[in-house]
């Protein structure tokens, strides 16, 4: 599951206020790895939003989708 922008913003605020990644993770019920990723993304991009274009690539084209739907 992905971290919501609201939770990411909370994590950044807590971390910038001097809390450790471990404490931030405990308070927000996140993994330490998720907190680390959010903080790293914020340091690199200045944003807590996920970058566009991430995720699994499509394996069918629109024509194939229409065909599949018409046969179901």
PDB file of N, CA and C in Angstrom:
ATOM      1  N   UNK A   1       0.839  -1.174   0.000  1.00  0.00           N
ATOM      2  CA  UNK A   1       0.000   0.000   0.000  1.00  0.00           C
ATOM      3  C   UNK A   1       0.885   1.238   0.000  1.00  0.00           C
ATOM      4  N   UNK A   2       0.423   2.278  -0.683  1.00  0.00           N
ATOM      5  CA  UNK A   2       1.197   3.504  -0.795  1.00  0.00           C
ATOM      6  C   UNK A   2       0.912   4.433   0.376  1.00  0.00           C
ATOM      7  N   UNK A   3       1.883   5.277   0.665  1.00  0.00           N
ATOM      8  CA  UNK A   3       1.727   6.277   1.705  1.00  0.00           C
ATOM      9  C   UNK A   3       0.906   7.435   1.148  1.00  0.00           C
ATOM     10  N   UNK A   4      -0.121   7.853   1.864  1.00  0.00           N
ATOM     11  CA  UNK A   4      -0.942   8.969   1.395  1.00  0.00           C
ATOM     12  C   UNK A   4      -0.144  10.264   1.492  1.00  0.00           C
ATOM     13  N   UNK A   5      -0.472  11.250   0.644  1.00  0.00           N
ATOM     14  CA  UNK A   5       0.230  12.539   0.737  1.00  0.00           C
ATOM     15  C   UNK A   5       0.086  13.185   2.113  1.00  0.00           C
ATOM     16  N   UNK A   6      -1.056  12.994   2.755  1.00  0.00           N
ATOM     17  CA  UNK A   6      -1.265  13.577   4.082  1.00  0.00           C
ATOM     18  C   UNK A   6      -0.324  12.954   5.111  1.00  0.00           C
ATOM     19  N   UNK A   7      -0.204  11.633   5.055  1.00  0.00           N
ATOM     20  CA  UNK A   7       0.677  10.942   6.005  1.00  0.00           C
ATOM     21  C   UNK A   7       2.140  11.276   5.710  1.00  0.00           C
ATOM     22  N   UNK A   8       2.480  11.407   4.433  1.00  0.00           N
ATOM     23  CA  UNK A   8       3.847  11.779   4.064  1.00  0.00           C
ATOM     24  C   UNK A   8       4.176  13.170   4.592  1.00  0.00           C
ATOM     25  N   UNK A   9       3.239  14.094   4.469  1.00  0.00           N
ATOM     26  CA  UNK A   9       3.458  15.453   4.969  1.00  0.00           C
ATOM     27  C   UNK A   9       3.645  15.444   6.483  1.00  0.00           C
ATOM     28  N   UNK A  10       2.847  14.648   7.185  1.00  0.00           N
ATOM     29  CA  UNK A  10       2.995  14.539   8.639  1.00  0.00           C
ATOM     30  C   UNK A  10       4.370  13.990   8.994  1.00  0.00           C
ATOM     31  N   UNK A  11       4.822  12.988   8.244  1.00  0.00           N
ATOM     32  CA  UNK A  11       6.132  12.388   8.507  1.00  0.00           C
ATOM     33  C   UNK A  11       7.241  13.411   8.315  1.00  0.00           C
ATOM     34  N   UNK A  12       7.136  14.210   7.271  1.00  0.00           N
ATOM     35  CA  UNK A  12       8.164  15.219   7.000  1.00  0.00           C
ATOM     36  C   UNK A  12       8.194  16.261   8.108  1.00  0.00           C
ATOM     37  N   UNK A  13       7.029  16.713   8.543  1.00  0.00           N
ATOM     38  CA  UNK A  13       6.966  17.713   9.617  1.00  0.00           C
ATOM     39  C   UNK A  13       7.592  17.163  10.893  1.00  0.00           C
ATOM     40  N   UNK A  14       7.230  15.951  11.268  1.00  0.00           N
ATOM     41  CA  UNK A  14       7.797  15.359  12.484  1.00  0.00           C
ATOM     42  C   UNK A  14       9.310  15.192  12.362  1.00  0.00           C
ATOM     43  N   UNK A  15       9.762  14.719  11.200  1.00  0.00           N
ATOM     44  CA  UNK A  15      11.196  14.499  11.004  1.00  0.00           C
ATOM     45  C   UNK A  15      11.958  15.822  11.049  1.00  0.00           C
ATOM     46  N   UNK A  16      11.414  16.853  10.401  1.00  0.00           N
ATOM     47  CA  UNK A  16      12.090  18.152  10.400  1.00  0.00           C
ATOM     48  C   UNK A  16      12.063  18.822  11.771  1.00  0.00           C
ATOM     49  N   UNK A  17      11.130  18.408  12.620  1.00  0.00           N
ATOM     50  CA  UNK A  17      11.084  18.939  13.988  1.00  0.00           C
ATOM     51  C   UNK A  17      12.005  18.177  14.933  1.00  0.00           C
ATOM     52  N   UNK A  18      12.844  17.305  14.385  1.00  0.00           N
ATOM     53  CA  UNK A  18      13.870  16.658  15.188  1.00  0.00           C
ATOM     54  C   UNK A  18      13.577  15.250  15.651  1.00  0.00           C
ATOM     55  N   UNK A  19      12.449  14.693  15.260  1.00  0.00           N
ATOM     56  CA  UNK A  19      12.138  13.320  15.652  1.00  0.00           C
ATOM     57  C   UNK A  19      12.899  12.350  14.754  1.00  0.00           C
ATOM     58  N   UNK A  20      13.297  11.232  15.309  1.00  0.00           N
ATOM     59  CA  UNK A  20      14.008  10.224  14.521  1.00  0.00           C
ATOM     60  C   UNK A  20      13.028   9.517  13.592  1.00  0.00           C
ATOM     61  N   UNK A  21      13.571   8.865  12.573  1.00  0.00           N
ATOM     62  CA  UNK A  21      12.720   8.118  11.649  1.00  0.00           C
ATOM     63  C   UNK A  21      11.975   7.011  12.393  1.00  0.00           C
ATOM     64  N   UNK A  22      12.606   6.425  13.375  1.00  0.00           N
ATOM     65  CA  UNK A  22      11.959   5.367  14.159  1.00  0.00           C
ATOM     66  C   UNK A  22      10.741   5.910  14.909  1.00  0.00           C
ATOM     67  N   UNK A  23      10.894   7.069  15.551  1.00  0.00           N
ATOM     68  CA  UNK A  23       9.782   7.675  16.295  1.00  0.00           C
ATOM     69  C   UNK A  23       8.663   8.083  15.339  1.00  0.00           C
ATOM     70  N   UNK A  24       9.029   8.672  14.206  1.00  0.00           N
ATOM     71  CA  UNK A  24       8.025   9.067  13.211  1.00  0.00           C
ATOM     72  C   UNK A  24       7.239   7.844  12.758  1.00  0.00           C
ATOM     73  N   UNK A  25       7.947   6.758  12.481  1.00  0.00           N
ATOM     74  CA  UNK A  25       7.290   5.529  12.028  1.00  0.00           C
ATOM     75  C   UNK A  25       6.318   5.010  13.084  1.00  0.00           C
ATOM     76  N   UNK A  26       6.721   5.023  14.325  1.00  0.00           N
ATOM     77  CA  UNK A  26       5.841   4.542  15.401  1.00  0.00           C
ATOM     78  C   UNK A  26       4.600   5.415  15.544  1.00  0.00           C
ATOM     79  N   UNK A  27       4.800   6.724  15.535  1.00  0.00           N
ATOM     80  CA  UNK A  27       3.670   7.642  15.737  1.00  0.00           C
ATOM     81  C   UNK A  27       2.649   7.562  14.604  1.00  0.00           C
ATOM     82  N   UNK A  28       3.128   7.347  13.388  1.00  0.00           N
ATOM     83  CA  UNK A  28       2.226   7.361  12.233  1.00  0.00           C
ATOM     84  C   UNK A  28       1.858   5.964  11.750  1.00  0.00           C
ATOM     85  N   UNK A  29       2.308   4.948  12.478  1.00  0.00           N
ATOM     86  CA  UNK A  29       2.022   3.557  12.107  1.00  0.00           C
ATOM     87  C   UNK A  29       2.511   3.251  10.686  1.00  0.00           C
ATOM     88  N   UNK A  30       3.765   3.623  10.437  1.00  0.00           N
ATOM     89  CA  UNK A  30       4.413   3.373   9.151  1.00  0.00           C
ATOM     90  C   UNK A  30       5.654   2.531   9.409  1.00  0.00           C
ATOM     91  N   UNK A  31       6.186   1.935   8.361  1.00  0.00           N
ATOM     92  CA  UNK A  31       7.465   1.253   8.507  1.00  0.00           C
ATOM     93  C   UNK A  31       8.581   2.293   8.460  1.00  0.00           C
ATOM     94  N   UNK A  32       9.723   1.942   9.026  1.00  0.00           N
ATOM     95  CA  UNK A  32      10.868   2.859   8.959  1.00  0.00           C
ATOM     96  C   UNK A  32      11.308   3.058   7.523  1.00  0.00           C
ATOM     97  N   UNK A  33      11.190   2.003   6.710  1.00  0.00           N
ATOM     98  CA  UNK A  33      11.570   2.118   5.298  1.00  0.00           C
ATOM     99  C   UNK A  33      10.679   3.132   4.582  1.00  0.00           C
ATOM    100  N   UNK A  34       9.391   3.137   4.897  1.00  0.00           N
ATOM    101  CA  UNK A  34       8.471   4.091   4.267  1.00  0.00           C
ATOM    102  C   UNK A  34       8.824   5.520   4.669  1.00  0.00           C
ATOM    103  N   UNK A  35       9.147   5.719   5.931  1.00  0.00           N
ATOM    104  CA  UNK A  35       9.546   7.050   6.398  1.00  0.00           C
ATOM    105  C   UNK A  35      10.829   7.477   5.695  1.00  0.00           C
ATOM    106  N   UNK A  36      11.776   6.566   5.585  1.00  0.00           N
ATOM    107  CA  UNK A  36      13.038   6.866   4.915  1.00  0.00           C
ATOM    108  C   UNK A  36      12.799   7.272   3.460  1.00  0.00           C
ATOM    109  N   UNK A  37      11.923   6.530   2.755  1.00  0.00           N
ATOM    110  CA  UNK A  37      11.617   6.846   1.354  1.00  0.00           C
ATOM    111  C   UNK A  37      10.971   8.222   1.218  1.00  0.00           C
ATOM    112  N   UNK A  38      10.018   8.513   2.109  1.00  0.00           N
ATOM    113  CA  UNK A  38       9.334   9.805   2.061  1.00  0.00           C
ATOM    114  C   UNK A  38      10.332  10.937   2.296  1.00  0.00           C
ATOM    115  N   UNK A  39      11.182  10.793   3.292  1.00  0.00           N
ATOM    116  CA  UNK A  39      12.169  11.830   3.602  1.00  0.00           C
ATOM    117  C   UNK A  39      13.162  12.006   2.460  1.00  0.00           C
ATOM    118  N   UNK A  40      13.599  10.907   1.875  1.00  0.00           N
ATOM    119  CA  UNK A  40      14.545  10.976   0.760  1.00  0.00           C
ATOM    120  C   UNK A  40      13.908  11.671  -0.440  1.00  0.00           C
ATOM    121  N   UNK A  41      12.655  11.298  -0.756  1.00  0.00           N
ATOM    122  CA  UNK A  41      11.951  11.921  -1.874  1.00  0.00           C
ATOM    123  C   UNK A  41      11.803  13.420  -1.634  1.00  0.00           C
ATOM    124  N   UNK A  42      11.499  13.797  -0.391  1.00  0.00           N
ATOM    125  CA  UNK A  42      11.331  15.209  -0.057  1.00  0.00           C
ATOM    126  C   UNK A  42      12.655  15.962  -0.203  1.00  0.00           C
ATOM    127  N   UNK A  43      13.746  15.362   0.232  1.00  0.00           N
ATOM    128  CA  UNK A  43      15.058  16.002   0.103  1.00  0.00           C
ATOM    129  C   UNK A  43      15.446  16.176  -1.358  1.00  0.00           C
ATOM    130  N   UNK A  44      15.137  15.182  -2.195  1.00  0.00           N
ATOM    131  CA  UNK A  44      15.532  15.221  -3.604  1.00  0.00           C
ATOM    132  C   UNK A  44      14.653  16.136  -4.450  1.00  0.00           C
ATOM    133  N   UNK A  45      13.353  16.140  -4.178  1.00  0.00           N
ATOM    134  CA  UNK A  45      12.424  16.851  -5.059  1.00  0.00           C
ATOM    135  C   UNK A  45      11.744  18.047  -4.410  1.00  0.00           C
ATOM    136  N   UNK A  46      11.759  18.115  -3.085  1.00  0.00           N
ATOM    137  CA  UNK A  46      11.048  19.181  -2.401  1.00  0.00           C
ATOM    138  C   UNK A  46       9.549  18.941  -2.322  1.00  0.00           C
ATOM    139  N   UNK A  47       9.128  17.735  -2.677  1.00  0.00           N
ATOM    140  CA  UNK A  47       7.710  17.397  -2.675  1.00  0.00           C
ATOM    141  C   UNK A  47       7.500  16.070  -1.960  1.00  0.00           C
ATOM    142  N   UNK A  48       6.330  15.904  -1.374  1.00  0.00           N
ATOM    143  CA  UNK A  48       6.021  14.635  -0.725  1.00  0.00           C
ATOM    144  C   UNK A  48       5.090  13.787  -1.574  1.00  0.00           C
ATOM    145  N   UNK A  49       4.713  14.289  -2.755  1.00  0.00           N
ATOM    146  CA  UNK A  49       3.844  13.525  -3.653  1.00  0.00           C
ATOM    147  C   UNK A  49       4.657  12.490  -4.426  1.00  0.00           C
ATOM    148  N   UNK A  50       3.995  11.387  -4.786  1.00  0.00           N
ATOM    149  CA  UNK A  50       4.648  10.365  -5.602  1.00  0.00           C
ATOM    150  C   UNK A  50       4.908  10.929  -6.987  1.00  0.00           C
ATOM    151  N   UNK A  51       5.979  10.486  -7.595  1.00  0.00           N
ATOM    152  CA  UNK A  51       6.311  10.943  -8.934  1.00  0.00           C
ATOM    153  C   UNK A  51       5.390  10.283  -9.953  1.00  0.00           C
ATOM    154  N   UNK A  52       4.975  11.031 -10.973  1.00  0.00           N
ATOM    155  CA  UNK A  52       4.103  10.434 -11.996  1.00  0.00           C
ATOM    156  C   UNK A  52       4.850   9.390 -12.805  1.00  0.00           C
ATOM    157  N   UNK A  53       4.104   8.455 -13.333  1.00  0.00           N
ATOM    158  CA  UNK A  53       4.704   7.441 -14.196  1.00  0.00           C
ATOM    159  C   UNK A  53       5.232   6.238 -13.451  1.00  0.00           C
ATOM    160  N   UNK A  54       5.002   6.168 -12.155  1.00  0.00           N
ATOM    161  CA  UNK A  54       5.458   5.019 -11.396  1.00  0.00           C
ATOM    162  C   UNK A  54       4.370   3.964 -11.390  1.00  0.00           C
ATOM    163  N   UNK A  55       4.765   2.750 -11.261  1.00  0.00           N
ATOM    164  CA  UNK A  55       3.800   1.660 -11.212  1.00  0.00           C
ATOM    165  C   UNK A  55       3.998   0.708 -12.376  1.00  0.00           C
ATOM    166  N   UNK A  56       3.198  -0.296 -12.393  1.00  0.00           N
ATOM    167  CA  UNK A  56       3.316  -1.331 -13.412  1.00  0.00           C
ATOM    168  C   UNK A  56       2.858  -0.803 -14.764  1.00  0.00           C
ATOM    169  N   UNK A  57       3.580  -1.168 -15.798  1.00  0.00           N
ATOM    170  CA  UNK A  57       3.246  -0.750 -17.149  1.00  0.00           C
ATOM    171  C   UNK A  57       2.089  -1.589 -17.680  1.00  0.00           C
ATOM    172  N   UNK A  58       1.340  -1.014 -18.604  1.00  0.00           N
ATOM    173  CA  UNK A  58       0.218  -1.719 -19.221  1.00  0.00           C
ATOM    174  C   UNK A  58       0.740  -2.872 -20.064  1.00  0.00           C
ATOM    175  N   UNK A  59      -0.019  -3.955 -20.111  1.00  0.00           N
ATOM    176  CA  UNK A  59       0.370  -5.082 -20.956  1.00  0.00           C
ATOM    177  C   UNK A  59      -0.620  -5.272 -22.103  1.00  0.00           C
ATOM    178  N   UNK A  60      -1.669  -4.451 -22.149  1.00  0.00           N
ATOM    179  CA  UNK A  60      -2.600  -4.478 -23.278  1.00  0.00           C
ATOM    180  C   UNK A  60      -2.768  -3.060 -23.799  1.00  0.00           C
ATOM    181  N   UNK A  61      -3.208  -2.964 -25.044  1.00  0.00           N
ATOM    182  CA  UNK A  61      -3.507  -1.654 -25.610  1.00  0.00           C
ATOM    183  C   UNK A  61      -5.018  -1.461 -25.582  1.00  0.00           C
ATOM    184  N   UNK A  62      -5.474  -0.245 -25.875  1.00  0.00           N
ATOM    185  CA  UNK A  62      -6.903   0.052 -25.784  1.00  0.00           C
ATOM    186  C   UNK A  62      -7.739  -0.873 -26.660  1.00  0.00           C
ATOM    187  N   UNK A  63      -7.249  -1.188 -27.844  1.00  0.00           N
ATOM    188  CA  UNK A  63      -7.982  -2.082 -28.749  1.00  0.00           C
ATOM    189  C   UNK A  63      -8.191  -3.444 -28.092  1.00  0.00           C
ATOM    190  N   UNK A  64      -7.142  -3.978 -27.469  1.00  0.00           N
ATOM    191  CA  UNK A  64      -7.250  -5.264 -26.775  1.00  0.00           C
ATOM    192  C   UNK A  64      -8.251  -5.180 -25.623  1.00  0.00           C
ATOM    193  N   UNK A  65      -8.243  -4.062 -24.898  1.00  0.00           N
ATOM    194  CA  UNK A  65      -9.177  -3.884 -23.785  1.00  0.00           C
ATOM    195  C   UNK A  65     -10.622  -3.934 -24.275  1.00  0.00           C
ATOM    196  N   UNK A  66     -10.896  -3.226 -25.365  1.00  0.00           N
ATOM    197  CA  UNK A  66     -12.260  -3.229 -25.914  1.00  0.00           C
ATOM    198  C   UNK A  66     -12.668  -4.631 -26.339  1.00  0.00           C
ATOM    199  N   UNK A  67     -11.743  -5.377 -26.951  1.00  0.00           N
ATOM    200  CA  UNK A  67     -12.035  -6.739 -27.389  1.00  0.00           C
ATOM    201  C   UNK A  67     -12.353  -7.633 -26.188  1.00  0.00           C
ATOM    202  N   UNK A  68     -11.550  -7.524 -25.148  1.00  0.00           N
ATOM    203  CA  UNK A  68     -11.754  -8.341 -23.947  1.00  0.00           C
ATOM    204  C   UNK A  68     -13.116  -8.037 -23.322  1.00  0.00           C
ATOM    205  N   UNK A  69     -13.451  -6.760 -23.228  1.00  0.00           N
ATOM    206  CA  UNK A  69     -14.731  -6.370 -22.637  1.00  0.00           C
ATOM    207  C   UNK A  69     -15.890  -6.867 -23.490  1.00  0.00           C
ATOM    208  N   UNK A  70     -15.747  -6.795 -24.805  1.00  0.00           N
ATOM    209  CA  UNK A  70     -16.848  -7.230 -25.677  1.00  0.00           C
ATOM    210  C   UNK A  70     -17.076  -8.735 -25.595  1.00  0.00           C
ATOM    211  N   UNK A  71     -16.063  -9.503 -25.261  1.00  0.00           N
ATOM    212  CA  UNK A  71     -16.182 -10.959 -25.178  1.00  0.00           C
ATOM    213  C   UNK A  71     -16.619 -11.443 -23.796  1.00  0.00           C
ATOM    214  N   UNK A  72     -16.675 -10.549 -22.839  1.00  0.00           N
ATOM    215  CA  UNK A  72     -17.054 -10.994 -21.485  1.00  0.00           C
ATOM    216  C   UNK A  72     -18.532 -10.835 -21.218  1.00  0.00           C
TER     217      UNK A  72
END
